Protein backbone atom coordinates (compact mmCIF):
# COMPACT_ATOMS: atom_id res chain seq x y z
CA MET A 1 -0.02 -0.04 0.18
CA GLU A 2 1.27 3.17 -1.07
CA GLY A 3 1.83 5.61 1.97
CA SER A 4 -1.43 5.94 4.07
CA LYS A 5 -3.44 5.81 0.61
CA LEU A 6 -6.39 3.19 1.00
CA LYS A 7 -8.18 1.84 -2.17
CA LEU A 8 -11.81 2.03 -1.06
CA GLN A 9 -12.42 -1.24 -3.17
CA ASP A 10 -9.74 -2.77 -0.60
CA SER A 11 -11.71 -1.85 2.42
CA VAL A 12 -13.28 -5.11 3.71
CA GLY A 13 -16.02 -2.74 5.33
CA TYR A 14 -16.71 -0.90 2.06
CA LEU A 15 -17.07 -4.31 0.35
CA ILE A 16 -19.99 -5.65 2.77
CA VAL A 17 -21.86 -2.32 3.00
CA ASN A 18 -21.89 -1.83 -0.83
CA THR A 19 -22.79 -5.28 -1.53
CA GLY A 20 -25.44 -5.32 1.22
CA ARG A 21 -26.85 -2.04 -0.55
CA LYS A 22 -26.91 -3.82 -4.03
CA LEU A 23 -28.43 -6.74 -2.76
CA THR A 24 -30.83 -4.57 -0.90
CA LEU A 25 -31.83 -2.60 -4.16
CA ASN A 26 -32.13 -5.82 -6.45
CA LEU A 27 -34.50 -7.41 -3.86
CA THR A 28 -36.55 -4.67 -3.59
CA GLN A 29 -36.83 -4.27 -7.46
CA LEU A 30 -37.92 -7.84 -7.48
CA PHE A 31 -40.39 -7.49 -4.82
CA GLN A 32 -42.20 -4.42 -6.49
CA THR A 33 -44.66 -6.71 -8.19
CA HIS A 34 -46.06 -7.18 -4.35
CA ASN A 35 -45.70 -3.42 -3.20
CA LEU A 36 -42.73 -4.71 -0.82
CA THR A 37 -39.46 -3.43 -0.06
CA SER A 38 -36.64 -6.01 1.30
CA GLU A 39 -36.94 -4.56 4.52
CA GLN A 40 -40.71 -5.30 4.69
CA TRP A 41 -40.21 -8.76 3.19
CA SER A 42 -37.56 -9.92 6.00
CA LEU A 43 -39.83 -9.04 8.84
CA LEU A 44 -42.69 -10.92 6.71
CA MET A 45 -40.79 -13.65 6.32
CA SER A 46 -39.45 -13.83 10.02
CA LEU A 47 -43.18 -13.63 11.12
CA HIS A 48 -44.29 -16.22 8.42
CA ASN A 49 -41.84 -18.64 10.18
CA GLU A 50 -42.73 -17.97 13.69
CA GLU A 51 -46.23 -16.04 14.28
CA GLY A 52 -47.20 -14.94 17.49
CA ILE A 53 -43.98 -13.05 18.72
CA SER A 54 -44.00 -9.67 20.27
CA GLN A 55 -42.47 -6.53 18.37
CA LYS A 56 -39.59 -6.55 20.75
CA GLU A 57 -38.92 -10.32 19.87
CA LEU A 58 -39.32 -9.81 16.44
CA ALA A 59 -36.56 -6.79 16.51
CA GLU A 60 -34.16 -8.99 18.74
CA ARG A 61 -34.45 -12.10 16.37
CA THR A 62 -34.06 -9.77 13.19
CA GLU A 63 -31.53 -7.55 14.72
CA LYS A 64 -33.08 -4.62 13.75
CA ASP A 65 -33.95 -1.32 15.74
CA PRO A 66 -37.17 -1.53 17.58
CA ALA A 67 -38.62 2.03 16.14
CA ASN A 68 -37.76 0.69 12.58
CA VAL A 69 -39.45 -2.66 13.01
CA THR A 70 -42.55 -0.68 14.33
CA ARG A 71 -42.53 1.68 11.17
CA ILE A 72 -42.05 -1.37 9.07
CA LEU A 73 -44.80 -3.57 10.80
CA ASP A 74 -47.10 -0.12 10.43
CA GLN A 75 -46.60 -0.46 6.63
CA LEU A 76 -47.35 -4.05 6.44
CA GLU A 77 -50.59 -3.59 8.81
CA ARG A 78 -51.76 -0.75 6.08
CA LYS A 79 -50.89 -3.42 3.56
CA GLY A 80 -53.09 -5.66 5.14
CA LEU A 81 -50.12 -8.44 5.41
CA VAL A 82 -49.99 -8.55 9.22
CA ARG A 83 -51.84 -7.89 12.36
CA ARG A 84 -51.23 -6.99 15.81
CA VAL A 85 -52.80 -8.78 18.54
CA THR A 86 -53.04 -7.33 21.80
CA ASN A 87 -50.85 -9.71 24.10
CA PRO A 88 -52.84 -11.15 26.68
CA GLU A 89 -50.00 -11.43 29.36
CA ASP A 90 -49.03 -7.67 28.69
CA ARG A 91 -51.77 -5.05 27.02
CA ARG A 92 -48.97 -2.91 26.56
CA SER A 93 -47.32 -5.28 23.76
CA PHE A 94 -48.83 -6.98 20.81
CA ASN A 95 -48.09 -10.24 19.04
CA MET A 96 -47.88 -10.43 15.28
CA PHE A 97 -49.64 -12.70 13.06
CA VAL A 98 -49.42 -12.73 9.14
CA THR A 99 -52.76 -12.60 7.35
CA GLU A 100 -53.72 -14.49 4.39
CA SER A 101 -52.46 -12.16 2.25
CA GLY A 102 -49.36 -11.90 3.99
CA ARG A 103 -48.87 -15.88 3.64
CA GLU A 104 -49.86 -15.56 0.04
CA ALA A 105 -47.42 -12.86 -0.57
CA ALA A 106 -44.37 -14.70 1.63
CA LEU A 107 -45.05 -17.87 -0.41
CA GLU A 108 -45.18 -16.16 -3.80
CA LEU A 109 -41.73 -14.20 -2.85
CA MET A 110 -39.94 -17.28 -1.28
CA PRO A 111 -39.14 -18.72 -5.18
CA VAL A 112 -38.21 -15.24 -6.31
CA GLU A 113 -35.62 -14.35 -3.48
CA ALA A 114 -34.56 -18.37 -4.01
CA GLN A 115 -33.81 -17.93 -7.74
CA PHE A 116 -32.09 -14.29 -7.04
CA VAL A 117 -29.79 -15.78 -4.65
CA GLN A 118 -29.06 -18.76 -6.83
CA GLU A 119 -28.49 -16.08 -9.76
CA ILE A 120 -25.85 -14.26 -7.52
CA LEU A 121 -24.06 -17.44 -6.49
CA VAL A 122 -23.70 -18.94 -9.90
CA ASP A 123 -20.14 -20.31 -10.73
CA ILE A 124 -18.99 -19.93 -7.14
CA PRO A 125 -17.82 -23.12 -5.50
CA GLN A 126 -19.97 -24.49 -2.26
CA ALA A 127 -16.89 -24.43 -0.26
CA GLU A 128 -16.43 -20.76 -1.01
CA ILE A 129 -19.70 -19.99 0.17
CA GLU A 130 -19.38 -21.94 3.49
CA ALA A 131 -16.44 -19.91 4.15
CA PHE A 132 -17.82 -16.75 3.14
CA LYS A 133 -20.67 -17.74 5.75
CA ALA A 134 -18.03 -18.50 8.20
CA PHE A 135 -16.19 -15.39 7.72
CA MET A 136 -19.39 -12.97 8.01
CA LEU A 137 -20.21 -15.10 11.44
CA LYS A 138 -16.91 -14.06 12.62
CA VAL A 139 -17.46 -10.39 11.67
CA ASN A 140 -20.78 -10.41 13.27
CA ARG A 141 -19.54 -11.51 16.47
CA ASN A 142 -16.59 -9.64 16.66
CA ILE A 143 -18.95 -6.73 16.23
CA GLU A 144 -20.90 -7.68 18.86
CA ARG A 145 -18.05 -8.35 21.18
CA ARG A 146 -17.05 -4.46 20.57
CA ARG A 147 -20.45 -3.35 21.23
CA VAL A 148 -20.77 -5.30 24.52
CA ALA A 149 -16.96 -3.67 25.58
CA ALA A 150 -18.39 -0.16 24.74
CA GLU A 151 -21.43 -0.41 26.96
């Protein structure tokens, strides 16, 4: 590396963020047929897989900011894809459920997402995909370790 210059494309952080941005943009374009963003789809799929959890639990499981989860759920509820039910154990919170329309959207978009992933992973050996997953898990673990240490 020449002096203190760093090519942006050589930064691991830049590569992760830039790739994530491109993935989000492409998925949102693919989901336009259902008027969903990739963020909305991720929460819809999480609820499709595990209904009846609270908004707080959903935020924790998806590692999203609780305020953003509330905003996205508001959007999904307005679209008729999810519904809130008062938690019988705590009337201050809600449990989230997917509506029939939400279930249909989730089932229709699952193969769209699967096809997209298949296309972007074409010609990449399974060993490299597994190594990438292991790498990303380690990066996430280190980020979490750093966050906890800063508290």
